[in-house]
Amino acid sequence: MAVPWRHCWRWSITNCTKTRLSNYAVFSTLSPRGKLWPASQLRCCKKIHSDTKLKDPFSLAQKDLAHLYDDIKKELYVSGAELRSLCDYYFDGKGKAFRPMIVVLMARALNIHSNSKGTDLLPGQRSVAMISEMIHTASLVHDDVIDGSDQRRGKSTINDMWGERKAILAGDFILSAASMALARIGNTTVVSVLSQVIEDLVRGEFMQMGSKENENERFKHYLDKTFKKTASLIANSCRAVSILVNSDPEVHEIAFQYGKNVGIAFQLVDDVLDFTACAAHLGKPSAADLKLGLATGPVLFACQQFPELHSMIMRRFSSQGDVERAWQYVLESDGVEQTSYLARHYCDEAVRQVSRLRPSPERDALIRLTEMVLTRDK
């Protein structure tokens, strides 16, 4: 049985915690001796890798993802032309395929770590990558209906083109096709793991509709919601491909923790970009979260310097001028910097987790991917 690889990295604990960030720590990290650091003494891991050049994730995953959208369209094939057009609308090959890329890289890294015969993806692992993109896209279709969005990926949303009713049905149909593909994998544990994703998506959406009066509870609520709406899919997809090749629960947890931490960091950066990137880069209007009444990381951090934000958050920026004033408060605060710093911390933890696997090009690509998450501009 393969065990975590423990000798390929050297890392030290350095104090890089800012006072305000430590107040919001909701997870702990492991010390070199395996003991838990208290959240109040959160530390970042400073890692030194023996290779100076890490592998490019997109190049390594390109071959495995070459037929991703064709395979999805086969799963979604129906005789009705209109339903087929709705379902194929976002599977046009222009998406980032970020989640499937992580899944195939993790699968290959785990295959090497587990000493399986060859590094090729198992059929079930390939299916998990495809299913992750289908679930993600279905959730986007439903999110756009809930939010009343008219732009996605630089073009009109399905609900804007065909109406809300047909958009909801299209999202449901994509989820049903994903569920059938999941059942064909034939592993009940994998079915259970990926079914959890759909439950988390629904619970996360309900959490987003509410808020907390207490400031510390509010930030934990925000991070819990972020895990359910964004990170759960990545984390559980990584766990699923690990289950298919390795029976060691510790290896499953490494895969899960990498996906969880990268997923949360990805969303934190997304929340920062809502304040720093122009609409043309994002493919959606900027300040979209404020306009939806959502208080994301930059706003919650800014609230410490500008207590006036508290009442705005509780009324979901619904009064005239709230969105403009909140935007200005965030820009005048260090909310964007603090959120970026928190994203860096989650990426540090993702790297610490995945570096426990046996060295491989795919493992190194997953490490490089964390830096790409932090430096993306759209």
Protein backbone atom coordinates (compact mmCIF):
# COMPACT_ATOMS: atom_id res chain seq x y z
CA MET A 1 0.00 0.00 0.00
CA ALA A 2 1.40 3.36 -1.02
CA VAL A 3 1.89 5.83 1.77
CA PRO A 4 2.39 9.61 1.62
CA TRP A 5 5.78 10.62 0.27
CA ARG A 6 7.50 12.56 3.03
CA HIS A 7 11.09 13.24 1.95
CA CYS A 8 10.91 15.16 -1.32
CA TRP A 9 10.34 18.59 0.18
CA ARG A 10 12.04 20.68 2.83
CA TRP A 11 9.86 23.17 4.56
CA SER A 12 10.04 25.38 7.56
CA ILE A 13 7.53 27.21 9.66
CA THR A 14 7.77 30.97 9.49
CA ASN A 15 5.53 33.51 11.10
CA CYS A 16 3.62 35.27 8.35
CA THR A 17 0.34 35.84 10.11
CA LYS A 18 -1.22 39.26 10.30
CA THR A 19 -3.32 40.07 13.34
CA ARG A 20 -6.60 40.53 11.51
CA LEU A 21 -6.15 37.34 9.49
CA SER A 22 -5.46 35.23 12.58
CA ASN A 23 -8.80 36.29 14.01
CA TYR A 24 -10.52 34.61 11.09
CA ALA A 25 -8.54 31.38 10.90
CA VAL A 26 -10.94 28.47 10.60
CA PHE A 27 -8.53 25.65 9.89
CA SER A 28 -5.28 24.39 11.32
CA THR A 29 -2.09 23.18 9.72
CA LEU A 30 0.25 20.39 10.64
CA SER A 31 3.66 20.97 12.14
CA PRO A 32 6.64 18.92 10.90
CA ARG A 33 6.05 16.58 13.84
CA GLY A 34 2.44 16.03 12.88
CA LYS A 35 0.93 18.14 15.66
CA LEU A 36 -1.83 20.62 14.97
CA TRP A 37 -1.05 24.31 15.16
CA PRO A 38 -3.81 26.22 16.95
CA ALA A 39 -5.74 28.51 14.61
CA SER A 40 -4.62 31.46 16.71
CA GLN A 41 -1.00 30.62 15.88
CA LEU A 42 -1.53 29.99 12.18
CA ARG A 43 1.67 29.76 10.17
CA CYS A 44 2.54 29.54 6.50
CA CYS A 45 4.79 26.83 5.16
CA LYS A 46 7.82 28.09 3.28
CA LYS A 47 8.67 25.41 0.75
CA ILE A 48 11.89 24.84 -1.15
CA HIS A 49 11.60 22.53 -4.15
CA SER A 50 14.57 20.75 -5.65
CA ASP A 51 13.37 21.48 -9.21
CA THR A 52 13.59 25.09 -10.35
CA LYS A 53 11.12 24.61 -13.20
CA LEU A 54 7.74 23.09 -12.52
CA LYS A 55 5.64 21.52 -15.24
CA ASP A 56 2.96 23.51 -17.05
CA PRO A 57 -0.46 22.13 -15.97
CA PHE A 58 -2.22 22.94 -19.24
CA SER A 59 0.42 21.23 -21.37
CA LEU A 60 0.42 18.08 -19.27
CA ALA A 61 -3.38 17.81 -19.20
CA GLN A 62 -3.96 18.78 -22.83
CA LYS A 63 -3.90 15.25 -24.22
CA ASP A 64 -6.31 13.91 -21.61
CA LEU A 65 -8.72 16.81 -22.17
CA ALA A 66 -8.55 16.86 -25.98
CA HIS A 67 -11.93 15.14 -26.37
CA LEU A 68 -13.55 16.38 -23.16
CA TYR A 69 -16.28 18.48 -24.74
CA ASP A 70 -17.00 15.95 -27.48
CA ASP A 71 -17.46 13.28 -24.81
CA ILE A 72 -19.78 15.56 -22.84
CA LYS A 73 -21.88 16.29 -25.92
CA LYS A 74 -22.26 12.55 -26.49
CA GLU A 75 -23.58 12.20 -22.93
CA LEU A 76 -26.03 15.04 -23.56
CA TYR A 77 -27.21 13.90 -26.99
CA VAL A 78 -30.96 14.19 -27.43
CA SER A 79 -33.11 14.19 -30.55
CA GLY A 80 -34.75 17.53 -29.72
CA ALA A 81 -32.80 20.31 -31.43
CA GLU A 82 -33.67 23.06 -28.93
CA LEU A 83 -32.75 21.08 -25.81
CA ARG A 84 -29.52 19.97 -27.49
CA SER A 85 -28.68 23.61 -28.29
CA LEU A 86 -29.27 24.65 -24.68
CA CYS A 87 -27.18 21.84 -23.25
CA ASP A 88 -24.32 22.33 -25.70
CA TYR A 89 -24.25 26.11 -25.28
CA TYR A 90 -21.47 26.31 -22.68
CA PHE A 91 -19.65 23.18 -23.89
CA ASP A 92 -18.18 25.03 -26.86
CA GLY A 93 -14.54 24.32 -26.01
CA LYS A 94 -13.90 27.91 -24.94
CA GLY A 95 -14.06 27.24 -21.21
CA LYS A 96 -10.94 26.94 -19.04
CA ALA A 97 -11.73 23.31 -18.08
CA PHE A 98 -10.02 24.18 -14.80
CA ARG A 99 -11.71 21.45 -12.76
CA PRO A 100 -11.16 18.58 -15.23
CA MET A 101 -7.53 19.67 -15.54
CA ILE A 102 -7.02 19.35 -11.79
CA VAL A 103 -8.79 15.98 -11.78
CA VAL A 104 -6.67 14.41 -14.55
CA LEU A 105 -3.43 15.78 -13.08
CA MET A 106 -4.35 14.48 -9.64
CA ALA A 107 -5.36 11.12 -11.10
CA ARG A 108 -2.03 10.67 -12.88
CA ALA A 109 -0.07 11.84 -9.83
CA LEU A 110 -1.96 9.33 -7.70
CA ASN A 111 -1.43 6.53 -10.24
CA ILE A 112 2.32 7.13 -10.07
CA HIS A 113 2.25 7.44 -6.29
CA SER A 114 0.30 4.20 -5.96
CA ASN A 115 2.70 2.25 -8.21
CA SER A 116 -0.11 1.29 -10.54
CA LYS A 117 0.76 -0.28 -13.86
CA GLY A 118 1.43 2.69 -16.10
CA THR A 119 0.34 6.27 -15.59
CA ASP A 120 -2.58 6.28 -18.01
CA LEU A 121 -5.91 7.37 -16.64
CA LEU A 122 -8.30 4.64 -15.64
CA PRO A 123 -11.65 4.81 -17.49
CA GLY A 124 -13.38 5.74 -14.23
CA GLN A 125 -10.92 8.55 -13.57
CA ARG A 126 -11.51 9.96 -17.02
CA SER A 127 -15.24 9.83 -16.36
CA VAL A 128 -14.83 11.73 -13.07
CA ALA A 129 -13.04 14.53 -14.93
CA MET A 130 -15.88 14.77 -17.42
CA ILE A 131 -18.55 14.61 -14.69
CA SER A 132 -16.85 17.41 -12.73
CA GLU A 133 -17.22 19.76 -15.71
CA MET A 134 -20.84 18.73 -16.24
CA ILE A 135 -21.80 19.36 -12.60
CA HIS A 136 -19.93 22.68 -12.63
CA THR A 137 -21.67 23.85 -15.80
CA ALA A 138 -25.11 22.79 -14.56
CA SER A 139 -24.51 24.82 -11.40
CA LEU A 140 -23.58 27.87 -13.51
CA VAL A 141 -26.82 27.58 -15.48
CA HIS A 142 -28.83 27.47 -12.26
CA ASP A 143 -26.77 30.25 -10.63
CA ASP A 144 -27.47 32.56 -13.55
CA VAL A 145 -31.20 32.02 -13.12
CA ILE A 146 -31.02 32.70 -9.37
CA ASP A 147 -28.87 35.81 -9.86
CA GLY A 148 -30.71 37.05 -12.94
CA SER A 149 -27.40 37.24 -14.80
CA ASP A 150 -27.33 38.09 -18.49
CA GLN A 151 -23.58 37.54 -19.13
CA ARG A 152 -21.41 34.44 -18.70
CA ARG A 153 -18.01 33.78 -20.26
CA GLY A 154 -18.32 36.89 -22.37
CA LYS A 155 -21.65 35.98 -23.97
CA SER A 156 -25.36 35.98 -23.14
CA THR A 157 -26.50 33.49 -20.52
CA ILE A 158 -28.87 30.63 -21.30
CA ASN A 159 -31.65 32.25 -19.27
CA ASP A 160 -31.19 35.49 -21.21
CA MET A 161 -31.33 33.64 -24.54
CA TRP A 162 -34.06 31.06 -23.87
CA GLY A 163 -35.76 32.18 -20.66
CA GLU A 164 -35.56 31.03 -17.05
CA ARG A 165 -37.82 27.97 -17.33
CA LYS A 166 -35.85 26.39 -20.15
CA ALA A 167 -32.56 27.29 -18.45
CA ILE A 168 -33.61 25.48 -15.27
CA LEU A 169 -34.61 22.41 -17.28
CA ALA A 170 -31.32 22.49 -19.20
CA GLY A 171 -29.37 22.57 -15.94
CA ASP A 172 -31.44 19.69 -14.60
CA PHE A 173 -30.84 17.68 -17.78
CA ILE A 174 -27.06 18.20 -17.58
CA LEU A 175 -27.13 17.02 -13.94
CA SER A 176 -29.17 13.95 -14.87
CA ALA A 177 -26.71 13.03 -17.63
CA ALA A 178 -23.83 13.49 -15.18
CA SER A 179 -25.60 11.21 -12.69
CA MET A 180 -26.01 8.48 -15.31
CA ALA A 181 -22.33 8.71 -16.24
CA LEU A 182 -21.46 8.53 -12.54
CA ALA A 183 -23.54 5.39 -12.07
CA ARG A 184 -21.73 3.67 -14.96
CA ILE A 185 -18.42 4.00 -13.12
CA GLY A 186 -19.75 1.21 -10.93
CA ASN A 187 -18.15 2.24 -7.64
CA THR A 188 -20.65 2.99 -4.89
CA THR A 189 -18.12 4.96 -2.81
CA VAL A 190 -17.35 7.24 -5.74
CA VAL A 191 -21.08 7.70 -6.35
CA SER A 192 -21.52 8.72 -2.71
CA VAL A 193 -18.56 11.11 -2.78
CA LEU A 194 -19.70 12.95 -5.91
CA SER A 195 -23.34 12.99 -4.79
CA GLN A 196 -22.12 15.00 -1.79
CA VAL A 197 -21.08 17.72 -4.23
CA ILE A 198 -24.66 18.29 -5.39
CA GLU A 199 -25.89 18.48 -1.80
CA ASP A 200 -23.14 20.98 -0.99
CA LEU A 201 -24.04 23.13 -4.00
CA VAL A 202 -27.63 23.42 -2.80
CA ARG A 203 -26.69 24.06 0.83
CA GLY A 204 -24.10 26.62 -0.26
CA GLU A 205 -26.68 28.49 -2.30
CA PHE A 206 -28.99 28.67 0.73
CA MET A 207 -26.08 29.90 2.86
CA GLN A 208 -25.39 32.63 0.33
CA MET A 209 -28.94 33.89 0.78
CA GLY A 210 -28.31 34.55 4.48
CA SER A 211 -25.77 36.33 6.66
CA LYS A 212 -24.59 36.46 10.28
CA GLU A 213 -24.89 39.35 12.72
CA ASN A 214 -21.65 38.51 14.56
CA GLU A 215 -18.52 39.55 12.64
CA ASN A 216 -16.47 36.41 13.33
CA GLU A 217 -19.42 34.12 12.60
CA ARG A 218 -20.00 36.04 9.38
CA PHE A 219 -16.51 35.30 8.08
CA LYS A 220 -16.75 31.61 8.96
CA HIS A 221 -20.15 31.54 7.26
CA TYR A 222 -18.53 33.06 4.15
CA LEU A 223 -15.72 30.48 4.06
CA ASP A 224 -18.10 27.57 4.70
CA LYS A 225 -20.30 28.81 1.87
CA THR A 226 -17.24 29.16 -0.36
CA PHE A 227 -16.28 25.55 0.29
CA LYS A 228 -19.76 24.26 -0.51
CA LYS A 229 -20.35 26.34 -3.63
CA THR A 230 -16.87 26.13 -5.16
CA ALA A 231 -14.33 23.92 -3.41
CA SER A 232 -16.44 20.84 -2.67
CA LEU A 233 -16.61 19.88 -6.35
CA ILE A 234 -12.83 20.05 -6.76
CA ALA A 235 -12.09 18.38 -3.42
CA ASN A 236 -14.50 15.49 -3.85
CA SER A 237 -13.54 14.94 -7.50
CA CYS A 238 -9.92 14.59 -6.37
CA ARG A 239 -11.01 12.20 -3.64
CA ALA A 240 -13.01 10.18 -6.17
CA VAL A 241 -10.06 9.56 -8.51
CA SER A 242 -7.92 8.59 -5.51
CA ILE A 243 -10.49 6.01 -4.40
CA LEU A 244 -10.38 4.39 -7.83
CA VAL A 245 -6.63 3.70 -7.64
CA ASN A 246 -5.69 3.53 -3.95
CA SER A 247 -7.31 2.02 -0.86
CA ASP A 248 -5.40 4.12 1.68
CA PRO A 249 -7.70 6.68 3.41
CA GLU A 250 -4.67 8.90 4.10
CA VAL A 251 -4.01 9.24 0.38
CA HIS A 252 -7.70 9.98 -0.19
CA GLU A 253 -7.44 12.78 2.36
CA ILE A 254 -4.36 14.26 0.69
CA ALA A 255 -6.25 14.45 -2.60
CA PHE A 256 -9.31 15.95 -0.89
CA GLN A 257 -7.32 18.56 1.03
CA TYR A 258 -5.47 19.69 -2.07
CA GLY A 259 -8.74 20.17 -3.94
CA LYS A 260 -10.39 21.89 -0.97
CA ASN A 261 -7.61 24.41 -0.45
CA VAL A 262 -7.11 25.19 -4.13
CA GLY A 263 -10.86 25.54 -4.55
CA ILE A 264 -11.23 28.01 -1.69
CA ALA A 265 -8.20 29.99 -2.91
CA PHE A 266 -9.68 30.09 -6.42
CA GLN A 267 -12.91 31.63 -5.13
CA LEU A 268 -11.09 34.10 -2.89
CA VAL A 269 -9.15 35.33 -5.92
CA ASP A 270 -12.42 35.50 -7.86
CA ASP A 271 -13.85 37.71 -5.12
CA VAL A 272 -10.79 39.96 -5.33
CA LEU A 273 -11.12 40.23 -9.11
CA ASP A 274 -14.66 41.52 -8.67
CA PHE A 275 -13.00 44.67 -7.30
CA THR A 276 -9.79 44.80 -9.33
CA ALA A 277 -10.50 43.43 -12.82
CA CYS A 278 -12.47 45.18 -15.53
CA ALA A 279 -15.68 43.65 -16.86
CA ALA A 280 -14.04 42.84 -20.22
CA HIS A 281 -11.51 40.56 -18.49
CA LEU A 282 -14.03 38.87 -16.21
CA GLY A 283 -16.63 38.23 -18.87
CA LYS A 284 -19.24 39.57 -16.43
CA PRO A 285 -19.97 43.00 -14.92
CA SER A 286 -17.63 44.14 -12.13
CA ALA A 287 -19.06 44.75 -8.64
CA ALA A 288 -21.51 41.98 -9.49
CA ASP A 289 -21.37 40.52 -5.96
CA LEU A 290 -22.21 43.83 -4.28
CA LYS A 291 -25.11 44.35 -6.68
CA LEU A 292 -26.40 40.90 -5.68
CA GLY A 293 -26.18 41.86 -2.01
CA LEU A 294 -23.20 39.60 -1.30
CA ALA A 295 -20.46 40.49 1.18
CA THR A 296 -17.31 38.67 0.05
CA GLY A 297 -13.83 38.61 1.60
CA PRO A 298 -12.72 42.12 0.60
CA VAL A 299 -15.90 43.62 2.09
CA LEU A 300 -15.69 41.60 5.30
CA PHE A 301 -12.08 42.64 5.86
CA ALA A 302 -12.90 46.25 4.99
CA CYS A 303 -15.66 46.21 7.60
CA GLN A 304 -12.98 46.17 10.31
CA GLN A 305 -11.69 49.56 9.15
CA PHE A 306 -15.07 50.95 8.14
CA PRO A 307 -17.75 49.80 10.63
CA GLU A 308 -20.33 51.63 8.52
CA LEU A 309 -20.26 48.57 6.26
CA HIS A 310 -21.90 46.44 8.95
CA SER A 311 -25.39 47.87 8.47
CA MET A 312 -24.97 47.74 4.68
CA ILE A 313 -24.04 44.06 4.86
CA MET A 314 -27.08 43.27 7.00
CA ARG A 315 -29.44 44.97 4.54
CA ARG A 316 -27.54 43.39 1.62
CA PHE A 317 -26.57 46.75 0.08
CA SER A 318 -30.21 47.38 -0.80
CA SER A 319 -30.42 51.11 0.03
CA GLN A 320 -29.65 53.74 -2.57
CA GLY A 321 -25.93 54.41 -2.78
CA ASP A 322 -24.91 51.35 -0.73
CA VAL A 323 -23.09 49.62 -3.59
CA GLU A 324 -21.10 52.73 -4.49
CA ARG A 325 -20.16 53.51 -0.88
CA ALA A 326 -19.22 49.89 -0.12
CA TRP A 327 -17.06 49.80 -3.26
CA GLN A 328 -15.23 52.92 -2.15
CA TYR A 329 -14.71 51.62 1.39
CA VAL A 330 -13.15 48.44 0.03
CA LEU A 331 -10.79 50.39 -2.21
CA GLU A 332 -9.74 52.61 0.70
CA SER A 333 -9.16 49.64 3.00
CA ASP A 334 -6.73 46.72 2.82
CA GLY A 335 -9.60 44.29 2.19
CA VAL A 336 -8.31 43.28 -1.22
CA GLU A 337 -4.79 42.74 0.14
CA GLN A 338 -6.04 40.72 3.11
CA THR A 339 -8.20 38.50 0.90
CA SER A 340 -5.29 37.91 -1.47
CA TYR A 341 -3.12 37.05 1.52
CA LEU A 342 -5.70 34.54 2.73
CA ALA A 343 -5.83 32.97 -0.74
CA ARG A 344 -2.04 32.62 -0.61
CA HIS A 345 -2.34 30.81 2.70
CA TYR A 346 -4.83 28.29 1.29
CA CYS A 347 -2.51 27.68 -1.68
CA ASP A 348 0.39 27.12 0.70
CA GLU A 349 -1.65 24.44 2.44
CA ALA A 350 -2.59 22.85 -0.90
CA VAL A 351 1.09 22.63 -1.84
CA ARG A 352 1.97 21.15 1.55
CA GLN A 353 -0.63 18.45 1.07
CA VAL A 354 0.16 17.43 -2.51
CA SER A 355 3.92 17.43 -1.88
CA ARG A 356 3.37 14.37 0.30
CA LEU A 357 2.83 12.37 -2.90
CA ARG A 358 5.65 10.69 -4.77
CA PRO A 359 7.47 13.13 -7.11
CA SER A 360 6.12 13.23 -10.65
CA PRO A 361 5.58 15.79 -13.43
CA GLU A 362 1.86 15.79 -12.64
CA ARG A 363 2.43 16.43 -8.95
CA ASP A 364 4.74 19.30 -9.82
CA ALA A 365 2.14 20.68 -12.22
CA LEU A 366 -0.41 20.70 -9.39
CA ILE A 367 2.08 22.69 -7.34
CA ARG A 368 2.59 25.21 -10.13
CA LEU A 369 -1.16 25.45 -10.56
CA THR A 370 -1.48 27.04 -7.12
CA GLU A 371 0.65 29.98 -8.26
CA MET A 372 -1.41 30.32 -11.41
CA VAL A 373 -4.55 30.48 -9.30
CA LEU A 374 -3.07 33.37 -7.30
CA THR A 375 -1.83 35.35 -10.31
CA ARG A 376 -4.77 34.96 -12.70
CA ASP A 377 -6.51 38.10 -13.90
CA LYS A 378 -9.81 36.61 -15.05
